[in-house]
């Protein structure tokens, strides 16, 4: 082969090696400056529950929400472990919004485990411009690369500085489409899983809690696409070999409020029991409890 061929081959391989090195450097930089530097105390295991109003325990408040009830079960089952369960549920939030606040509400807590529970707001057909913007900000495809995202962020800042990318006008009327598209929902879950993996946090996905058999407007508009969004949760979990807590069926009588989807106190207790028992059967609690013993 000609000398020119080998020169081009060497140049291409060198360029590829440079890209790989830059990607690795950005990934390491992200982990160094985003993940808390403090090492968890021996015997302490921190969990974060990231989600929407179901996680937040609306309308009862954080003290009666299922993450607190889950913590009580963990303390009873593993009394030699210092369990710290942080509730990062925010009513009305979607998976892309959860991704946007991941650093503040998850990585800042330095957890070993994050429980990710979204969907009921994502499949609600009232899509505003902010929902589109947040979904568009979730990395997917080539944009999962730290290098591509860094380049895109710099280009975006330059475009706004030069007036080439004006801010969108506010929308007063939502579109009758899901707040997060089905593909955007799957992309957001994958992005949350990827971000947790980079920081050494073990992710767990939860399917949505059941909808009541009701003709209430909030239920009726979700019912047609609710199964597809739950299936997206399962597919992301299967693709990443993650445990998934199944909550889509089996809720006891009296678990759901008259609005058709928020949970009563009994419903919150049911979710805590399901999360504890299903993850115990999968060996998750045993693994995280043994990962930081004194």
Protein backbone atom coordinates (compact mmCIF):
# COMPACT_ATOMS: atom_id res chain seq x y z
CA UNK A 1 0.00 0.00 0.00
CA UNK A 2 1.13 3.56 -0.66
CA UNK A 3 2.75 5.79 1.91
CA UNK A 4 -0.14 8.24 1.53
CA UNK A 5 -2.61 5.55 2.62
CA UNK A 6 -0.70 4.86 5.81
CA UNK A 7 -0.40 8.57 6.55
CA UNK A 8 -4.16 9.03 6.22
CA UNK A 9 -4.78 5.92 8.31
CA UNK A 10 -2.47 7.18 11.06
CA UNK A 11 -4.11 10.62 10.96
CA UNK A 12 -7.62 9.16 11.24
CA UNK A 13 -6.66 6.81 14.07
CA UNK A 14 -4.94 9.68 15.86
CA UNK A 15 -8.04 11.85 15.50
CA UNK A 16 -10.26 9.05 16.83
CA UNK A 17 -7.89 8.51 19.77
CA UNK A 18 -8.02 12.25 20.49
CA UNK A 19 -11.84 12.19 20.51
CA UNK A 20 -11.89 9.20 22.85
CA UNK A 21 -9.40 10.88 25.19
CA UNK A 22 -11.46 14.08 25.21
CA UNK A 23 -14.65 12.12 25.95
CA UNK A 24 -12.98 10.28 28.83
CA UNK A 25 -11.53 13.50 30.21
CA UNK A 26 -14.92 15.23 30.19
CA UNK A 27 -16.54 12.20 31.82
CA UNK A 28 -13.92 12.17 34.59
CA UNK A 29 -14.26 15.93 35.03
CA UNK A 30 -18.02 15.55 35.36
CA UNK A 31 -17.66 12.91 38.02
CA UNK A 32 -15.03 14.89 39.94
CA UNK A 33 -16.95 18.16 40.07
CA UNK A 34 -20.53 16.91 40.25
CA UNK A 35 -20.35 13.94 42.62
CA UNK A 36 -19.90 15.01 46.24
CA UNK A 37 -16.33 14.44 47.38
CA UNK A 38 -17.29 13.37 50.90
CA UNK A 39 -17.12 9.61 51.42
CA UNK A 40 -20.25 8.15 53.07
CA UNK A 41 -19.67 7.28 56.71
CA UNK A 42 -19.12 3.56 57.37
CA UNK A 43 -22.44 1.84 57.94
CA UNK A 44 -24.47 4.59 56.24
CA UNK A 45 -26.47 3.95 53.08
CA UNK A 46 -28.14 6.88 51.32
CA UNK A 47 -31.10 6.49 48.96
CA UNK A 48 -32.83 9.18 46.91
CA UNK A 49 -36.38 8.81 45.62
CA UNK A 50 -36.69 11.00 42.51
CA UNK A 51 -40.13 11.60 41.07
CA UNK A 52 -43.38 13.51 41.01
CA UNK A 53 -46.33 14.05 43.37
CA UNK A 54 -46.67 10.31 44.05
CA UNK A 55 -43.15 10.35 45.51
CA UNK A 56 -43.80 13.65 47.29
CA UNK A 57 -46.84 12.14 49.01
CA UNK A 58 -49.32 14.74 47.78
CA UNK A 59 -51.64 15.80 49.39
CA UNK A 60 -50.36 14.46 52.74
CA UNK A 61 -46.79 15.75 52.57
CA UNK A 62 -43.33 14.22 52.78
CA UNK A 63 -43.77 12.78 56.28
CA UNK A 64 -46.44 10.33 55.08
CA UNK A 65 -44.95 9.65 51.64
CA UNK A 66 -43.79 6.16 50.67
CA UNK A 67 -40.03 6.97 50.85
CA UNK A 68 -40.40 7.66 54.60
CA UNK A 69 -42.40 4.45 55.03
CA UNK A 70 -39.76 2.56 53.04
CA UNK A 71 -37.06 3.93 55.34
CA UNK A 72 -38.96 2.57 58.36
CA UNK A 73 -39.00 -0.91 56.80
CA UNK A 74 -35.30 -0.73 55.99
CA UNK A 75 -34.40 0.33 59.53
CA UNK A 76 -36.41 -2.60 60.92
CA UNK A 77 -34.92 -5.15 58.50
CA UNK A 78 -31.29 -3.92 58.73
CA UNK A 79 -30.90 -2.29 62.16
CA UNK A 80 -27.11 -2.23 61.93
CA UNK A 81 -27.20 0.04 58.87
CA UNK A 82 -27.72 3.81 59.04
CA UNK A 83 -30.33 4.33 56.33
CA UNK A 84 -30.84 7.83 54.98
CA UNK A 85 -33.72 8.17 52.51
CA UNK A 86 -34.08 11.53 50.79
CA UNK A 87 -37.39 12.46 49.16
CA UNK A 88 -36.78 14.32 45.88
CA UNK A 89 -40.37 14.20 44.69
CA UNK A 90 -41.85 17.37 43.18
CA UNK A 91 -45.57 17.54 42.26
CA UNK A 92 -46.27 18.10 38.57
CA UNK A 93 -42.83 17.10 37.35
CA UNK A 94 -41.90 15.04 34.31
CA UNK A 95 -38.88 12.83 33.63
CA UNK A 96 -37.06 15.58 31.65
CA UNK A 97 -37.54 17.95 34.60
CA UNK A 98 -36.14 15.26 36.88
CA UNK A 99 -33.12 15.04 34.61
CA UNK A 100 -32.67 18.82 34.76
CA UNK A 101 -32.46 18.78 38.59
CA UNK A 102 -30.51 15.55 38.96
CA UNK A 103 -27.30 17.22 40.11
CA UNK A 104 -29.05 19.36 42.72
CA UNK A 105 -31.38 16.74 44.15
CA UNK A 106 -29.62 13.41 43.58
CA UNK A 107 -25.87 13.65 43.14
CA UNK A 108 -25.60 16.33 45.85
CA UNK A 109 -26.91 13.79 48.37
CA UNK A 110 -24.12 11.33 47.53
CA UNK A 111 -26.43 8.29 47.38
CA UNK A 112 -25.62 4.68 46.67
CA UNK A 113 -29.08 4.15 45.14
CA UNK A 114 -31.65 6.27 43.29
CA UNK A 115 -35.27 5.20 42.84
CA UNK A 116 -36.67 6.83 39.69
CA UNK A 117 -40.47 7.18 39.47
CA UNK A 118 -42.02 9.30 36.69
CA UNK A 119 -44.72 8.95 34.06
CA UNK A 120 -48.12 10.17 35.25
CA UNK A 121 -47.35 13.77 34.30
CA UNK A 122 -45.36 12.80 31.21
CA UNK A 123 -48.39 11.11 29.63
CA UNK A 124 -50.80 13.92 30.53
CA UNK A 125 -51.95 15.67 27.29
CA UNK A 126 -51.18 19.30 28.10
CA UNK A 127 -47.87 20.07 26.41
CA UNK A 128 -46.43 23.57 26.81
CA UNK A 129 -43.36 25.05 25.19
CA UNK A 130 -41.38 24.49 28.39
CA UNK A 131 -42.12 20.78 28.14
CA UNK A 132 -40.76 20.73 24.58
CA UNK A 133 -37.70 22.68 25.65
CA UNK A 134 -36.95 20.34 28.57
CA UNK A 135 -37.46 17.26 26.40
CA UNK A 136 -35.15 18.71 23.76
CA UNK A 137 -32.48 19.28 26.39
CA UNK A 138 -32.32 15.57 27.26
CA UNK A 139 -29.32 13.91 25.58
CA UNK A 140 -30.06 11.14 23.11
CA UNK A 141 -28.20 9.47 20.27
CA UNK A 142 -24.90 11.25 19.62
CA UNK A 143 -25.85 13.84 22.24
CA UNK A 144 -25.25 11.24 24.95
CA UNK A 145 -21.56 11.97 24.36
CA UNK A 146 -20.08 14.44 26.85
CA UNK A 147 -17.96 15.88 24.03
CA UNK A 148 -20.93 16.48 21.74
CA UNK A 149 -22.94 18.06 24.57
CA UNK A 150 -20.06 20.35 25.52
CA UNK A 151 -19.73 21.51 21.91
CA UNK A 152 -23.49 22.02 21.56
CA UNK A 153 -23.65 24.05 24.80
CA UNK A 154 -20.90 26.38 23.61
CA UNK A 155 -22.55 26.79 20.22
CA UNK A 156 -25.88 27.56 21.92
CA UNK A 157 -24.32 30.22 24.18
CA UNK A 158 -22.59 31.83 21.19
CA UNK A 159 -25.78 31.79 19.15
CA UNK A 160 -27.75 33.51 21.93
CA UNK A 161 -25.00 36.06 22.48
CA UNK A 162 -25.08 36.95 18.78
CA UNK A 163 -28.89 37.03 18.72
CA UNK A 164 -29.13 34.11 16.33
CA UNK A 165 -31.11 31.97 18.79
CA UNK A 166 -33.79 34.17 20.38
CA UNK A 167 -35.73 32.90 23.35
CA UNK A 168 -39.11 31.39 22.41
CA UNK A 169 -42.27 33.32 23.20
CA UNK A 170 -44.38 31.98 26.08
CA UNK A 171 -47.39 29.81 25.26
CA UNK A 172 -50.69 30.52 26.99
CA UNK A 173 -52.54 27.48 25.63
CA UNK A 174 -51.09 23.96 25.77
CA UNK A 175 -51.14 21.48 22.91
CA UNK A 176 -53.34 18.42 23.34
CA UNK A 177 -50.35 16.08 23.29
CA UNK A 178 -48.49 14.29 26.10
CA UNK A 179 -46.24 16.63 28.05
CA UNK A 180 -43.36 14.30 27.17
CA UNK A 181 -43.50 12.29 23.96
CA UNK A 182 -43.16 8.53 24.36
CA UNK A 183 -39.70 8.54 22.79
CA UNK A 184 -38.71 11.59 24.83
CA UNK A 185 -39.85 9.83 27.99
CA UNK A 186 -37.70 6.77 27.19
CA UNK A 187 -34.77 9.07 26.36
CA UNK A 188 -35.16 10.93 29.67
CA UNK A 189 -35.21 7.69 31.66
CA UNK A 190 -32.12 6.50 29.81
CA UNK A 191 -30.39 9.82 30.48
CA UNK A 192 -31.20 9.52 34.20
CA UNK A 193 -29.78 5.98 34.23
CA UNK A 194 -26.65 7.11 32.36
CA UNK A 195 -26.09 10.02 34.72
CA UNK A 196 -26.44 7.74 37.74
CA UNK A 197 -24.02 5.20 36.23
CA UNK A 198 -21.37 7.83 35.56
CA UNK A 199 -21.50 8.88 39.21
CA UNK A 200 -21.46 5.33 40.58
CA UNK A 201 -25.08 5.48 41.77
CA UNK A 202 -27.21 2.37 41.35
CA UNK A 203 -30.49 3.23 39.57
CA UNK A 204 -33.83 1.48 40.04
CA UNK A 205 -36.95 2.23 37.97
CA UNK A 206 -40.55 2.13 39.18
CA UNK A 207 -43.57 1.73 36.94
CA UNK A 208 -46.44 4.14 37.44
CA UNK A 209 -48.97 3.56 40.16
CA UNK A 210 -52.39 2.39 38.91
CA UNK A 211 -55.15 4.52 37.48
CA UNK A 212 -58.56 4.05 39.06
CA UNK A 213 -61.48 2.66 37.05
CA UNK A 214 -63.05 6.07 36.68
CA UNK A 215 -64.42 8.55 34.14
CA UNK A 216 -62.70 11.42 35.96
CA UNK A 217 -61.08 13.68 33.32
CA UNK A 218 -57.57 13.28 34.70
CA UNK A 219 -57.86 9.50 34.43
CA UNK A 220 -59.67 9.29 31.10
CA UNK A 221 -57.08 11.37 29.22
CA UNK A 222 -54.22 9.23 30.54
CA UNK A 223 -55.81 5.80 30.20
CA UNK A 224 -55.22 5.30 26.46
CA UNK A 225 -51.45 5.84 26.59
CA UNK A 226 -50.70 4.83 30.18
CA UNK A 227 -49.72 1.22 29.19
CA UNK A 228 -47.23 2.42 26.55
CA UNK A 229 -45.42 4.67 29.04
CA UNK A 230 -45.22 1.85 31.56
CA UNK A 231 -43.82 -0.41 28.86
CA UNK A 232 -41.17 2.23 28.10
CA UNK A 233 -40.09 2.07 31.75
CA UNK A 234 -39.78 -1.72 31.54
CA UNK A 235 -37.84 -1.57 28.26
CA UNK A 236 -35.30 0.92 29.63
CA UNK A 237 -34.87 -1.25 32.72
CA UNK A 238 -34.40 -4.40 30.60
CA UNK A 239 -31.95 -2.66 28.25
CA UNK A 240 -29.79 -1.66 31.21
CA UNK A 241 -30.32 -4.86 33.27
CA UNK A 242 -31.92 -2.87 36.07
CA UNK A 243 -34.43 -3.97 38.69
CA UNK A 244 -37.89 -2.51 38.22
CA UNK A 245 -40.56 -2.16 40.90
CA UNK A 246 -43.90 -3.12 39.35
CA UNK A 247 -46.71 -0.87 40.59
CA UNK A 248 -49.07 -0.83 37.62
CA UNK A 249 -51.51 -3.34 39.10
CA UNK A 250 -52.56 -4.89 42.38
CA UNK A 251 -53.27 -1.78 44.43
CA UNK A 252 -55.59 -2.59 47.36
CA UNK A 253 -59.06 -1.15 47.69
CA UNK A 254 -58.95 2.40 49.00
CA UNK A 255 -55.42 3.07 47.71
CA UNK A 256 -56.39 5.79 45.23
CA UNK A 257 -57.96 9.19 45.92
CA UNK A 258 -61.16 10.35 44.18
CA UNK A 259 -59.10 12.16 41.52
CA UNK A 260 -58.30 8.71 40.15
CA UNK A 261 -54.50 8.64 40.35
CA UNK A 262 -53.09 10.23 43.52
CA UNK A 263 -52.64 7.89 46.47
CA UNK A 264 -54.29 7.74 49.85
CA UNK A 265 -52.22 7.05 52.96
CA UNK A 266 -53.00 3.35 52.44
CA UNK A 267 -51.78 3.66 48.86
CA UNK A 268 -48.50 5.21 50.02
CA UNK A 269 -48.04 2.33 52.45
CA UNK A 270 -48.71 -0.15 49.62
CA UNK A 271 -46.01 1.43 47.43
CA UNK A 272 -43.50 1.31 50.30
CA UNK A 273 -44.28 -2.37 50.85
CA UNK A 274 -43.98 -3.20 47.16
CA UNK A 275 -40.66 -1.35 46.82
CA UNK A 276 -39.27 -3.05 49.90
CA UNK A 277 -40.42 -6.57 49.06
CA UNK A 278 -39.66 -6.56 45.34
CA UNK A 279 -36.18 -5.09 45.78
CA UNK A 280 -35.51 -7.44 48.69
CA UNK A 281 -36.38 -10.37 46.41
CA UNK A 282 -33.98 -8.97 43.80
CA UNK A 283 -31.20 -8.75 46.41
CA UNK A 284 -30.89 -4.97 46.11
CA UNK A 285 -31.19 -4.15 49.82
CA UNK A 286 -28.73 -6.89 50.74
CA UNK A 287 -26.23 -5.57 48.21
CA UNK A 288 -26.40 -1.89 49.22
CA UNK A 289 -26.49 -2.74 52.93
CA UNK A 290 -23.33 -4.81 52.56
CA UNK A 291 -21.56 -2.25 50.35
CA UNK A 292 -20.76 0.16 53.18
CA UNK A 293 -20.56 -1.85 56.37
CA UNK A 294 -18.07 -0.60 58.98
